[in-house]
C-alpha cells in the first residue's frame, strides 16, 4: 500500500506539471550535452560508442561492434515518413478544434480538454490571441503537410537506419508542439476567456515572412539533396555526394537553418513569452548540434570541401 500511495502521489504531481515543457527541457539538455561531447570534445575525451549510437545515424553512423550489437534498437531511416503521417493527423485534428472553438464559438470537447490537461497542464491560462494562435497553427500545418509531401514524393532515403530514440523523439516532437501551441489559445484554457479575433499586427507579418523564407529555403535545399540521387541508379542511392547550389554554397545544412527560422517565425507570431519558446529552443539546440555533426563529416569525407562553408549559420558557425 505505501508503494501504491507513493506512485499515486508522483502521478498526481506530474499531472500538475506541464509534461510537454518538461519533455522539451529534457530534450534540450540531452542534445546539448551529448552533441557538445561528440562535436567539440571528441578529441579530448573518449566518446562512449553507446552515445554515438544514440545520437548519430545515416552517413555519420558508427560501424563499430557495439553498433552492430545495438542494431535491434534501430529502425529504417525511411520511417521518417511516420513522423509526418502522425503529425498530419494531429495538426488536422487541432485545426478542426480551432475552427470548432474559435470560429463557430462552440465549447472545447471534453476529450480534447482531458488530453490537454494530461499533456500540458490542468491549469492552462490564456496567453495568445485567437488571431495569433490560428495563424501560427496554420503555418505549422503548412510545414507538416509539406514535409509529408517531401517524404512521399521528393526525398530519396538510403537503406540506413536510425536509433529508436530518434524515432520516439520525432513522434513526440510534433505531438508536444501542437499541444503547446493550442493550449494557451482562448477557448482552450481551463479559465473562461473570450474568443476574439484581433486585427493583423506587425508581429504576425514579420513572423509569417520569416516562416515563408524558411519554408522556401528548406524545400529548395531538400530538393537539391534529393537531386544528388535521382536518375543515378540504385547504387547511387547509397552513395553520399557533396551538395552544391542554393544556400549550400555558404552553409553545409541550409535545410536545418531553415528549420530554425521556421520555428522562430512561429514564435514571433505567438510572442516570446509563450510556451512555444520551449519548442523553438529545442529545435535550435537540435539543429545546431546535428548540423555541426554533418559539417564535420563532410569535411572529413570530402578533401576538397569548401573551407568557407559554415555548418548552419553563415559566416559564424
C-alpha atoms as a PDB file:
ATOM      1  CA  UNK A   1       0.000   0.000   0.000  1.00  0.00           C
ATOM      2  CA  UNK A   2       2.726   2.551   0.808  1.00  0.00           C
ATOM      3  CA  UNK A   3       4.269   1.942  -2.626  1.00  0.00           C
ATOM      4  CA  UNK A   4       0.922   2.472  -4.339  1.00  0.00           C
ATOM      5  CA  UNK A   5       0.425   5.655  -2.340  1.00  0.00           C
ATOM      6  CA  UNK A   6       3.837   6.985  -3.402  1.00  0.00           C
ATOM      7  CA  UNK A   7       3.175   6.140  -7.051  1.00  0.00           C
ATOM      8  CA  UNK A   8      -0.209   7.829  -6.845  1.00  0.00           C
ATOM      9  CA  UNK A   9       1.416  10.954  -5.382  1.00  0.00           C
ATOM     10  CA  UNK A  10       4.069  11.017  -8.100  1.00  0.00           C
ATOM     11  CA  UNK A  11       1.460  10.652 -10.849  1.00  0.00           C
ATOM     12  CA  UNK A  12      -0.591  13.389  -9.230  1.00  0.00           C
ATOM     13  CA  UNK A  13       2.421  15.698  -9.127  1.00  0.00           C
ATOM     14  CA  UNK A  14       3.250  15.023 -12.779  1.00  0.00           C
ATOM     15  CA  UNK A  15      -0.349  15.750 -13.675  1.00  0.00           C
ATOM     16  CA  UNK A  16       0.026  19.209 -12.161  1.00  0.00           C
ATOM     17  CA  UNK A  17       3.162  19.936 -14.184  1.00  0.00           C
ATOM     18  CA  UNK A  18       3.368  20.684 -17.889  1.00  0.00           C
ATOM     19  CA  UNK A  19       4.629  17.392 -19.291  1.00  0.00           C
ATOM     20  CA  UNK A  20       5.315  18.836 -22.750  1.00  0.00           C
ATOM     21  CA  UNK A  21       7.536  21.589 -21.329  1.00  0.00           C
ATOM     22  CA  UNK A  22       9.343  19.021 -19.179  1.00  0.00           C
ATOM     23  CA  UNK A  23       9.835  16.803 -22.235  1.00  0.00           C
ATOM     24  CA  UNK A  24      11.277  19.594 -24.367  1.00  0.00           C
ATOM     25  CA  UNK A  25      13.511  20.694 -21.472  1.00  0.00           C
ATOM     26  CA  UNK A  26      14.925  17.171 -21.195  1.00  0.00           C
ATOM     27  CA  UNK A  27      15.454  17.056 -24.960  1.00  0.00           C
ATOM     28  CA  UNK A  28      17.297  20.395 -24.900  1.00  0.00           C
ATOM     29  CA  UNK A  29      19.650  19.310 -22.126  1.00  0.00           C
ATOM     30  CA  UNK A  30      20.245  15.856 -23.642  1.00  0.00           C
ATOM     31  CA  UNK A  31      21.083  17.065 -27.158  1.00  0.00           C
ATOM     32  CA  UNK A  32      23.154  19.999 -25.900  1.00  0.00           C
ATOM     33  CA  UNK A  33      25.325  17.878 -23.609  1.00  0.00           C
ATOM     34  CA  UNK A  34      25.689  14.846 -25.864  1.00  0.00           C
ATOM     35  CA  UNK A  35      26.134  16.944 -29.007  1.00  0.00           C
ATOM     36  CA  UNK A  36      28.792  19.093 -27.364  1.00  0.00           C
ATOM     37  CA  UNK A  37      30.718  15.993 -26.256  1.00  0.00           C
ATOM     38  CA  UNK A  38      30.587  14.476 -29.747  1.00  0.00           C
ATOM     39  CA  UNK A  39      31.216  17.690 -31.697  1.00  0.00           C
ATOM     40  CA  UNK A  40      33.667  19.600 -29.548  1.00  0.00           C
ATOM     41  CA  UNK A  41      35.233  17.214 -27.031  1.00  0.00           C
ATOM     42  CA  UNK A  42      35.766  14.046 -29.080  1.00  0.00           C
ATOM     43  CA  UNK A  43      39.451  14.918 -29.486  1.00  0.00           C
ATOM     44  CA  UNK A  44      39.867  15.383 -25.746  1.00  0.00           C
ATOM     45  CA  UNK A  45      37.765  12.597 -24.253  1.00  0.00           C
ATOM     46  CA  UNK A  46      36.780   9.157 -25.496  1.00  0.00           C
ATOM     47  CA  UNK A  47      33.191   9.276 -26.665  1.00  0.00           C
ATOM     48  CA  UNK A  48      31.295   6.156 -25.499  1.00  0.00           C
ATOM     49  CA  UNK A  49      30.123   4.119 -28.515  1.00  0.00           C
ATOM     50  CA  UNK A  50      26.702   3.897 -26.908  1.00  0.00           C
ATOM     51  CA  UNK A  51      26.444   7.700 -27.035  1.00  0.00           C
ATOM     52  CA  UNK A  52      27.476   7.771 -30.677  1.00  0.00           C
ATOM     53  CA  UNK A  53      24.921   5.107 -31.485  1.00  0.00           C
ATOM     54  CA  UNK A  54      22.165   7.069 -29.801  1.00  0.00           C
ATOM     55  CA  UNK A  55      22.843  10.432 -31.451  1.00  0.00           C
ATOM     56  CA  UNK A  56      24.242   9.785 -34.922  1.00  0.00           C
ATOM     57  CA  UNK A  57      22.709   7.970 -37.852  1.00  0.00           C
ATOM     58  CA  UNK A  58      22.834   7.596 -41.607  1.00  0.00           C
ATOM     59  CA  UNK A  59      26.118   8.701 -43.139  1.00  0.00           C
ATOM     60  CA  UNK A  60      27.535   9.541 -39.691  1.00  0.00           C
ATOM     61  CA  UNK A  61      26.592   6.250 -38.026  1.00  0.00           C
ATOM     62  CA  UNK A  62      29.294   4.252 -36.310  1.00  0.00           C
ATOM     63  CA  UNK A  63      30.222   0.887 -37.760  1.00  0.00           C
ATOM     64  CA  UNK A  64      31.655  -0.485 -34.550  1.00  0.00           C
ATOM     65  CA  UNK A  65      30.902  -3.783 -32.870  1.00  0.00           C
ATOM     66  CA  UNK A  66      28.710  -2.006 -30.349  1.00  0.00           C
ATOM     67  CA  UNK A  67      26.780  -0.508 -33.219  1.00  0.00           C
ATOM     68  CA  UNK A  68      26.022  -3.977 -34.583  1.00  0.00           C
ATOM     69  CA  UNK A  69      25.004  -5.245 -31.159  1.00  0.00           C
ATOM     70  CA  UNK A  70      22.558  -2.357 -30.870  1.00  0.00           C
ATOM     71  CA  UNK A  71      21.114  -2.948 -34.320  1.00  0.00           C
ATOM     72  CA  UNK A  72      17.992  -4.370 -32.708  1.00  0.00           C
ATOM     73  CA  UNK A  73      17.289  -0.871 -31.389  1.00  0.00           C
ATOM     74  CA  UNK A  74      17.375   0.653 -34.865  1.00  0.00           C
ATOM     75  CA  UNK A  75      14.652   1.297 -37.413  1.00  0.00           C
ATOM     76  CA  UNK A  76      14.932   2.166 -41.139  1.00  0.00           C
ATOM     77  CA  UNK A  77      15.564   5.848 -41.929  1.00  0.00           C
ATOM     78  CA  UNK A  78      12.671   5.791 -44.354  1.00  0.00           C
ATOM     79  CA  UNK A  79      10.440   5.578 -41.299  1.00  0.00           C
ATOM     80  CA  UNK A  80      10.859   9.342 -41.072  1.00  0.00           C
ATOM     81  CA  UNK A  81       7.639   9.258 -43.071  1.00  0.00           C
ATOM     82  CA  UNK A  82       5.800   8.015 -39.983  1.00  0.00           C
ATOM     83  CA  UNK A  83       6.558  11.295 -38.169  1.00  0.00           C
ATOM     84  CA  UNK A  84       4.680  13.310 -40.734  1.00  0.00           C
ATOM     85  CA  UNK A  85       1.785  10.902 -41.110  1.00  0.00           C
ATOM     86  CA  UNK A  86       1.092  11.137 -37.383  1.00  0.00           C
ATOM     87  CA  UNK A  87       1.841  14.869 -37.298  1.00  0.00           C
ATOM     88  CA  UNK A  88      -0.580  15.478 -40.202  1.00  0.00           C
ATOM     89  CA  UNK A  89      -3.334  13.682 -38.325  1.00  0.00           C
ATOM     90  CA  UNK A  90      -2.627  15.572 -35.089  1.00  0.00           C
ATOM     91  CA  UNK A  91      -2.432  19.017 -36.704  1.00  0.00           C
ATOM     92  CA  UNK A  92      -5.587  18.354 -38.747  1.00  0.00           C
ATOM     93  CA  UNK A  93      -7.458  17.477 -35.560  1.00  0.00           C
ATOM     94  CA  UNK A  94      -6.079  20.662 -33.973  1.00  0.00           C
ATOM     95  CA  UNK A  95      -7.225  22.771 -36.950  1.00  0.00           C
ATOM     96  CA  UNK A  96     -10.674  21.232 -36.679  1.00  0.00           C
ATOM     97  CA  UNK A  97     -10.812  22.045 -32.970  1.00  0.00           C
ATOM     98  CA  UNK A  98      -9.723  25.648 -33.588  1.00  0.00           C
ATOM     99  CA  UNK A  99     -12.445  26.035 -36.208  1.00  0.00           C
ATOM    100  CA  UNK A 100     -14.959  24.441 -33.829  1.00  0.00           C
ATOM    101  CA  UNK A 101     -13.990  26.602 -30.831  1.00  0.00           C
ATOM    102  CA  UNK A 102     -12.644  29.880 -32.201  1.00  0.00           C
ATOM    103  CA  UNK A 103     -14.730  30.312 -35.356  1.00  0.00           C
ATOM    104  CA  UNK A 104     -18.011  28.560 -34.538  1.00  0.00           C
ATOM    105  CA  UNK A 105     -17.894  29.571 -30.874  1.00  0.00           C
ATOM    106  CA  UNK A 106     -18.527  26.080 -29.513  1.00  0.00           C
ATOM    107  CA  UNK A 107     -17.056  24.665 -26.317  1.00  0.00           C
ATOM    108  CA  UNK A 108     -13.900  22.592 -26.311  1.00  0.00           C
ATOM    109  CA  UNK A 109     -14.900  18.896 -26.351  1.00  0.00           C
ATOM    110  CA  UNK A 110     -14.297  17.075 -23.083  1.00  0.00           C
ATOM    111  CA  UNK A 111     -11.944  14.523 -24.632  1.00  0.00           C
ATOM    112  CA  UNK A 112      -9.741  17.305 -26.079  1.00  0.00           C
ATOM    113  CA  UNK A 113      -9.680  19.142 -22.734  1.00  0.00           C
ATOM    114  CA  UNK A 114      -8.637  15.920 -20.971  1.00  0.00           C
ATOM    115  CA  UNK A 115      -5.781  15.353 -23.425  1.00  0.00           C
ATOM    116  CA  UNK A 116      -4.531  18.919 -22.986  1.00  0.00           C
ATOM    117  CA  UNK A 117      -4.836  18.544 -19.197  1.00  0.00           C
ATOM    118  CA  UNK A 118      -2.581  15.492 -19.385  1.00  0.00           C
ATOM    119  CA  UNK A 119      -0.048  16.751 -21.934  1.00  0.00           C
ATOM    120  CA  UNK A 120       0.258  20.338 -20.775  1.00  0.00           C
ATOM    121  CA  UNK A 121      -1.412  21.423 -17.540  1.00  0.00           C
ATOM    122  CA  UNK A 122      -4.871  21.291 -15.947  1.00  0.00           C
ATOM    123  CA  UNK A 123      -4.377  24.982 -15.093  1.00  0.00           C
ATOM    124  CA  UNK A 124      -3.896  26.490 -18.540  1.00  0.00           C
ATOM    125  CA  UNK A 125      -4.157  30.253 -18.900  1.00  0.00           C
ATOM    126  CA  UNK A 126      -4.839  32.443 -21.914  1.00  0.00           C
ATOM    127  CA  UNK A 127      -1.545  33.784 -23.321  1.00  0.00           C
ATOM    128  CA  UNK A 128      -2.160  34.450 -27.029  1.00  0.00           C
ATOM    129  CA  UNK A 129      -4.949  35.970 -29.093  1.00  0.00           C
ATOM    130  CA  UNK A 130      -7.219  33.878 -31.291  1.00  0.00           C
ATOM    131  CA  UNK A 131      -5.622  35.546 -34.310  1.00  0.00           C
ATOM    132  CA  UNK A 132      -2.073  34.606 -33.241  1.00  0.00           C
ATOM    133  CA  UNK A 133      -2.980  31.033 -32.332  1.00  0.00           C
ATOM    134  CA  UNK A 134      -4.938  30.410 -35.535  1.00  0.00           C
ATOM    135  CA  UNK A 135      -2.262  31.916 -37.771  1.00  0.00           C
ATOM    136  CA  UNK A 136       0.536  30.022 -36.010  1.00  0.00           C
ATOM    137  CA  UNK A 137      -1.334  26.724 -36.238  1.00  0.00           C
ATOM    138  CA  UNK A 138      -1.998  27.256 -39.950  1.00  0.00           C
ATOM    139  CA  UNK A 139       1.703  27.941 -40.540  1.00  0.00           C
ATOM    140  CA  UNK A 140       2.699  24.829 -38.596  1.00  0.00           C
ATOM    141  CA  UNK A 141       0.164  22.795 -40.565  1.00  0.00           C
ATOM    142  CA  UNK A 142       1.653  24.043 -43.852  1.00  0.00           C
ATOM    143  CA  UNK A 143       5.097  22.957 -42.676  1.00  0.00           C
ATOM    144  CA  UNK A 144       3.886  19.498 -41.649  1.00  0.00           C
ATOM    145  CA  UNK A 145       1.878  18.896 -44.834  1.00  0.00           C
ATOM    146  CA  UNK A 146       4.842  19.994 -46.973  1.00  0.00           C
ATOM    147  CA  UNK A 147       7.196  17.677 -45.112  1.00  0.00           C
ATOM    148  CA  UNK A 148       4.745  14.817 -45.611  1.00  0.00           C
ATOM    149  CA  UNK A 149       4.707  15.551 -49.346  1.00  0.00           C
ATOM    150  CA  UNK A 150       8.511  15.707 -49.480  1.00  0.00           C
ATOM    151  CA  UNK A 151       8.885  12.400 -47.674  1.00  0.00           C
ATOM    152  CA  UNK A 152       6.418  10.781 -50.077  1.00  0.00           C
ATOM    153  CA  UNK A 153       7.459  12.378 -53.357  1.00  0.00           C
ATOM    154  CA  UNK A 154      10.827  14.143 -53.092  1.00  0.00           C
ATOM    155  CA  UNK A 155      13.279  12.653 -50.607  1.00  0.00           C
ATOM    156  CA  UNK A 156      15.219   9.520 -51.503  1.00  0.00           C
ATOM    157  CA  UNK A 157      16.302   7.616 -48.408  1.00  0.00           C
ATOM    158  CA  UNK A 158      19.222   5.223 -48.287  1.00  0.00           C
ATOM    159  CA  UNK A 159      18.936   1.833 -46.635  1.00  0.00           C
ATOM    160  CA  UNK A 160      20.489   3.292 -43.471  1.00  0.00           C
ATOM    161  CA  UNK A 161      18.983   3.092 -40.022  1.00  0.00           C
ATOM    162  CA  UNK A 162      18.377   5.378 -37.058  1.00  0.00           C
ATOM    163  CA  UNK A 163      18.263   4.660 -33.364  1.00  0.00           C
ATOM    164  CA  UNK A 164      14.851   4.023 -31.846  1.00  0.00           C
ATOM    165  CA  UNK A 165      15.396   7.162 -29.735  1.00  0.00           C
ATOM    166  CA  UNK A 166      15.239   9.282 -32.897  1.00  0.00           C
ATOM    167  CA  UNK A 167      12.001   7.588 -33.818  1.00  0.00           C
ATOM    168  CA  UNK A 168      10.422   8.268 -30.420  1.00  0.00           C
ATOM    169  CA  UNK A 169      11.631  11.876 -30.291  1.00  0.00           C
ATOM    170  CA  UNK A 170      10.313  12.531 -33.800  1.00  0.00           C
ATOM    171  CA  UNK A 171       6.807  11.448 -32.865  1.00  0.00           C
ATOM    172  CA  UNK A 172       6.690  13.214 -29.500  1.00  0.00           C
ATOM    173  CA  UNK A 173       8.076  16.428 -31.003  1.00  0.00           C
ATOM    174  CA  UNK A 174       5.055  17.108 -33.185  1.00  0.00           C
ATOM    175  CA  UNK A 175       2.513  15.919 -30.635  1.00  0.00           C
ATOM    176  CA  UNK A 176       4.077  18.174 -27.986  1.00  0.00           C
ATOM    177  CA  UNK A 177       4.450  21.136 -30.339  1.00  0.00           C
ATOM    178  CA  UNK A 178       0.801  21.097 -31.405  1.00  0.00           C
ATOM    179  CA  UNK A 179      -0.392  20.612 -27.826  1.00  0.00           C
ATOM    180  CA  UNK A 180       1.671  23.548 -26.510  1.00  0.00           C
ATOM    181  CA  UNK A 181       0.590  25.790 -29.378  1.00  0.00           C
ATOM    182  CA  UNK A 182      -3.154  25.449 -28.801  1.00  0.00           C
ATOM    183  CA  UNK A 183      -3.026  25.054 -25.020  1.00  0.00           C
ATOM    184  CA  UNK A 184      -2.694  28.819 -24.462  1.00  0.00           C
ATOM    185  CA  UNK A 185      -5.267  29.883 -27.024  1.00  0.00           C
ATOM    186  CA  UNK A 186      -8.587  31.393 -25.883  1.00  0.00           C
ATOM    187  CA  UNK A 187     -11.240  28.700 -25.673  1.00  0.00           C
ATOM    188  CA  UNK A 188      -8.611  26.035 -24.948  1.00  0.00           C
ATOM    189  CA  UNK A 189      -7.676  27.178 -21.450  1.00  0.00           C
ATOM    190  CA  UNK A 190      -9.175  25.977 -18.185  1.00  0.00           C
ATOM    191  CA  UNK A 191     -10.318  29.500 -17.336  1.00  0.00           C
ATOM    192  CA  UNK A 192     -13.086  31.311 -19.133  1.00  0.00           C
ATOM    193  CA  UNK A 193     -11.613  33.538 -21.836  1.00  0.00           C
ATOM    194  CA  UNK A 194     -13.454  35.303 -24.661  1.00  0.00           C
ATOM    195  CA  UNK A 195     -12.533  34.252 -28.188  1.00  0.00           C
ATOM    196  CA  UNK A 196     -11.978  37.483 -30.097  1.00  0.00           C
ATOM    197  CA  UNK A 197     -10.119  37.768 -33.380  1.00  0.00           C
ATOM    198  CA  UNK A 198      -7.990  40.898 -33.368  1.00  0.00           C
ATOM    199  CA  UNK A 199      -6.559  42.682 -36.384  1.00  0.00           C
ATOM    200  CA  UNK A 200      -3.337  41.542 -38.026  1.00  0.00           C
ATOM    201  CA  UNK A 201      -0.375  43.102 -36.247  1.00  0.00           C
ATOM    202  CA  UNK A 202       3.262  43.725 -37.155  1.00  0.00           C
ATOM    203  CA  UNK A 203       4.426  40.598 -35.319  1.00  0.00           C
ATOM    204  CA  UNK A 204       2.097  38.481 -37.458  1.00  0.00           C
ATOM    205  CA  UNK A 205       3.515  39.892 -40.690  1.00  0.00           C
ATOM    206  CA  UNK A 206       7.163  39.627 -39.587  1.00  0.00           C
ATOM    207  CA  UNK A 207       6.725  36.096 -38.223  1.00  0.00           C
ATOM    208  CA  UNK A 208       4.907  34.937 -41.357  1.00  0.00           C
ATOM    209  CA  UNK A 209       7.628  36.371 -43.618  1.00  0.00           C
ATOM    210  CA  UNK A 210      10.294  34.603 -41.540  1.00  0.00           C
ATOM    211  CA  UNK A 211       8.311  31.383 -41.804  1.00  0.00           C
ATOM    212  CA  UNK A 212       7.859  31.693 -45.580  1.00  0.00           C
ATOM    213  CA  UNK A 213      11.576  32.371 -46.073  1.00  0.00           C
ATOM    214  CA  UNK A 214      12.491  29.241 -44.124  1.00  0.00           C
ATOM    215  CA  UNK A 215       9.697  27.302 -45.832  1.00  0.00           C
ATOM    216  CA  UNK A 216      11.018  28.063 -49.326  1.00  0.00           C
ATOM    217  CA  UNK A 217      14.700  27.597 -48.437  1.00  0.00           C
ATOM    218  CA  UNK A 218      14.075  24.249 -46.779  1.00  0.00           C
ATOM    219  CA  UNK A 219      12.082  22.898 -49.731  1.00  0.00           C
ATOM    220  CA  UNK A 220      14.717  24.090 -52.214  1.00  0.00           C
ATOM    221  CA  UNK A 221      17.508  22.556 -50.131  1.00  0.00           C
ATOM    222  CA  UNK A 222      15.770  19.189 -49.744  1.00  0.00           C
ATOM    223  CA  UNK A 223      15.100  19.110 -53.489  1.00  0.00           C
ATOM    224  CA  UNK A 224      18.803  19.718 -54.141  1.00  0.00           C
ATOM    225  CA  UNK A 225      19.719  16.869 -51.774  1.00  0.00           C
ATOM    226  CA  UNK A 226      17.241  14.543 -53.452  1.00  0.00           C
ATOM    227  CA  UNK A 227      18.627  15.558 -56.865  1.00  0.00           C
ATOM    228  CA  UNK A 228      22.014  14.120 -55.908  1.00  0.00           C
ATOM    229  CA  UNK A 229      20.485  10.651 -56.025  1.00  0.00           C
ATOM    230  CA  UNK A 230      17.770  10.873 -58.662  1.00  0.00           C
ATOM    231  CA  UNK A 231      18.290   9.208 -62.041  1.00  0.00           C
ATOM    232  CA  UNK A 232      21.651   7.789 -60.970  1.00  0.00           C
ATOM    233  CA  UNK A 233      20.749   4.139 -60.468  1.00  0.00           C
ATOM    234  CA  UNK A 234      20.142   2.144 -57.320  1.00  0.00           C
ATOM    235  CA  UNK A 235      23.810   2.087 -56.323  1.00  0.00           C
ATOM    236  CA  UNK A 236      23.965   5.888 -56.253  1.00  0.00           C
ATOM    237  CA  UNK A 237      21.088   5.948 -53.775  1.00  0.00           C
ATOM    238  CA  UNK A 238      23.509   4.500 -51.232  1.00  0.00           C
ATOM    239  CA  UNK A 239      26.307   6.947 -52.022  1.00  0.00           C
ATOM    240  CA  UNK A 240      26.715  10.377 -50.422  1.00  0.00           C
ATOM    241  CA  UNK A 241      27.800  13.253 -52.634  1.00  0.00           C
ATOM    242  CA  UNK A 242      28.830  16.787 -51.789  1.00  0.00           C
ATOM    243  CA  UNK A 243      25.785  19.087 -52.054  1.00  0.00           C
ATOM    244  CA  UNK A 244      26.055  22.253 -54.113  1.00  0.00           C
ATOM    245  CA  UNK A 245      23.797  25.124 -55.118  1.00  0.00           C
ATOM    246  CA  UNK A 246      21.445  27.378 -53.204  1.00  0.00           C
ATOM    247  CA  UNK A 247      22.467  28.127 -49.640  1.00  0.00           C
ATOM    248  CA  UNK A 248      24.652  25.011 -49.695  1.00  0.00           C
ATOM    249  CA  UNK A 249      27.271  27.385 -51.081  1.00  0.00           C
ATOM    250  CA  UNK A 250      27.544  29.113 -47.701  1.00  0.00           C
ATOM    251  CA  UNK A 251      26.432  26.510 -45.131  1.00  0.00           C
ATOM    252  CA  UNK A 252      26.529  22.730 -45.027  1.00  0.00           C
ATOM    253  CA  UNK A 253      22.962  22.379 -43.736  1.00  0.00           C
ATOM    254  CA  UNK A 254      20.669  25.116 -45.078  1.00  0.00           C
ATOM    255  CA  UNK A 255      17.636  22.876 -44.513  1.00  0.00           C
ATOM    256  CA  UNK A 256      18.458  22.871 -40.785  1.00  0.00           C
ATOM    257  CA  UNK A 257      18.977  26.627 -40.749  1.00  0.00           C
ATOM    258  CA  UNK A 258      15.578  26.925 -42.427  1.00  0.00           C
ATOM    259  CA  UNK A 259      14.001  24.709 -39.755  1.00  0.00           C
ATOM    260  CA  UNK A 260      15.214  27.103 -37.055  1.00  0.00           C
ATOM    261  CA  UNK A 261      13.902  30.125 -38.992  1.00  0.00           C
ATOM    262  CA  UNK A 262      10.524  28.415 -39.471  1.00  0.00           C
ATOM    263  CA  UNK A 263      10.028  27.759 -35.761  1.00  0.00           C
ATOM    264  CA  UNK A 264      11.406  31.185 -34.836  1.00  0.00           C
ATOM    265  CA  UNK A 265       8.869  32.726 -37.218  1.00  0.00           C
ATOM    266  CA  UNK A 266       6.027  30.938 -35.437  1.00  0.00           C
ATOM    267  CA  UNK A 267       7.474  32.194 -32.131  1.00  0.00           C
ATOM    268  CA  UNK A 268       7.343  35.778 -33.402  1.00  0.00           C
ATOM    269  CA  UNK A 269       3.692  35.272 -34.375  1.00  0.00           C
ATOM    270  CA  UNK A 270       2.802  33.882 -30.937  1.00  0.00           C
ATOM    271  CA  UNK A 271       5.082  36.049 -28.810  1.00  0.00           C
ATOM    272  CA  UNK A 272       8.361  35.305 -26.985  1.00  0.00           C
ATOM    273  CA  UNK A 273       6.754  34.655 -23.583  1.00  0.00           C
ATOM    274  CA  UNK A 274       4.570  31.758 -24.718  1.00  0.00           C
ATOM    275  CA  UNK A 275       5.222  28.042 -24.251  1.00  0.00           C
ATOM    276  CA  UNK A 276       6.275  27.866 -27.905  1.00  0.00           C
ATOM    277  CA  UNK A 277       9.614  29.245 -26.735  1.00  0.00           C
ATOM    278  CA  UNK A 278      10.474  25.764 -25.424  1.00  0.00           C
ATOM    279  CA  UNK A 279       9.743  24.208 -28.813  1.00  0.00           C
ATOM    280  CA  UNK A 280      11.919  26.800 -30.559  1.00  0.00           C
ATOM    281  CA  UNK A 281      14.828  26.307 -28.131  1.00  0.00           C
ATOM    282  CA  UNK A 282      14.637  22.548 -28.675  1.00  0.00           C
ATOM    283  CA  UNK A 283      14.667  22.941 -32.463  1.00  0.00           C
ATOM    284  CA  UNK A 284      17.575  25.402 -32.243  1.00  0.00           C
ATOM    285  CA  UNK A 285      19.700  23.183 -29.997  1.00  0.00           C
ATOM    286  CA  UNK A 286      18.946  20.057 -32.008  1.00  0.00           C
ATOM    287  CA  UNK A 287      19.521  21.540 -35.452  1.00  0.00           C
ATOM    288  CA  UNK A 288      22.768  23.254 -34.427  1.00  0.00           C
ATOM    289  CA  UNK A 289      24.281  20.086 -32.953  1.00  0.00           C
ATOM    290  CA  UNK A 290      23.208  17.868 -35.858  1.00  0.00           C
ATOM    291  CA  UNK A 291      24.384  20.450 -38.388  1.00  0.00           C
ATOM    292  CA  UNK A 292      27.839  20.559 -36.780  1.00  0.00           C
ATOM    293  CA  UNK A 293      27.977  16.748 -36.905  1.00  0.00           C
ATOM    294  CA  UNK A 294      27.095  16.828 -40.610  1.00  0.00           C
ATOM    295  CA  UNK A 295      29.599  19.603 -41.292  1.00  0.00           C
ATOM    296  CA  UNK A 296      32.415  17.691 -39.602  1.00  0.00           C
ATOM    297  CA  UNK A 297      31.518  14.575 -41.583  1.00  0.00           C
ATOM    298  CA  UNK A 298      31.556  16.497 -44.870  1.00  0.00           C
ATOM    299  CA  UNK A 299      34.981  17.949 -44.051  1.00  0.00           C
ATOM    300  CA  UNK A 300      36.397  14.528 -43.172  1.00  0.00           C
ATOM    301  CA  UNK A 301      34.847  12.803 -46.194  1.00  0.00           C
ATOM    302  CA  UNK A 302      35.442  15.308 -48.997  1.00  0.00           C
ATOM    303  CA  UNK A 303      39.028  16.552 -49.036  1.00  0.00           C
ATOM    304  CA  UNK A 304      38.111  19.373 -51.433  1.00  0.00           C
ATOM    305  CA  UNK A 305      35.191  20.534 -49.272  1.00  0.00           C
ATOM    306  CA  UNK A 306      34.920  24.365 -49.484  1.00  0.00           C
ATOM    307  CA  UNK A 307      36.644  25.910 -46.499  1.00  0.00           C
ATOM    308  CA  UNK A 308      34.412  28.981 -46.481  1.00  0.00           C
ATOM    309  CA  UNK A 309      31.276  26.966 -45.720  1.00  0.00           C
ATOM    310  CA  UNK A 310      29.985  27.062 -42.173  1.00  0.00           C
ATOM    311  CA  UNK A 311      27.836  24.417 -40.525  1.00  0.00           C
ATOM    312  CA  UNK A 312      24.499  26.199 -40.163  1.00  0.00           C
ATOM    313  CA  UNK A 313      24.834  29.966 -39.578  1.00  0.00           C
ATOM    314  CA  UNK A 314      26.503  31.823 -42.486  1.00  0.00           C
ATOM    315  CA  UNK A 315      29.908  33.309 -41.554  1.00  0.00           C
ATOM    316  CA  UNK A 316      29.506  32.392 -37.868  1.00  0.00           C
ATOM    317  CA  UNK A 317      29.031  28.682 -37.146  1.00  0.00           C
END
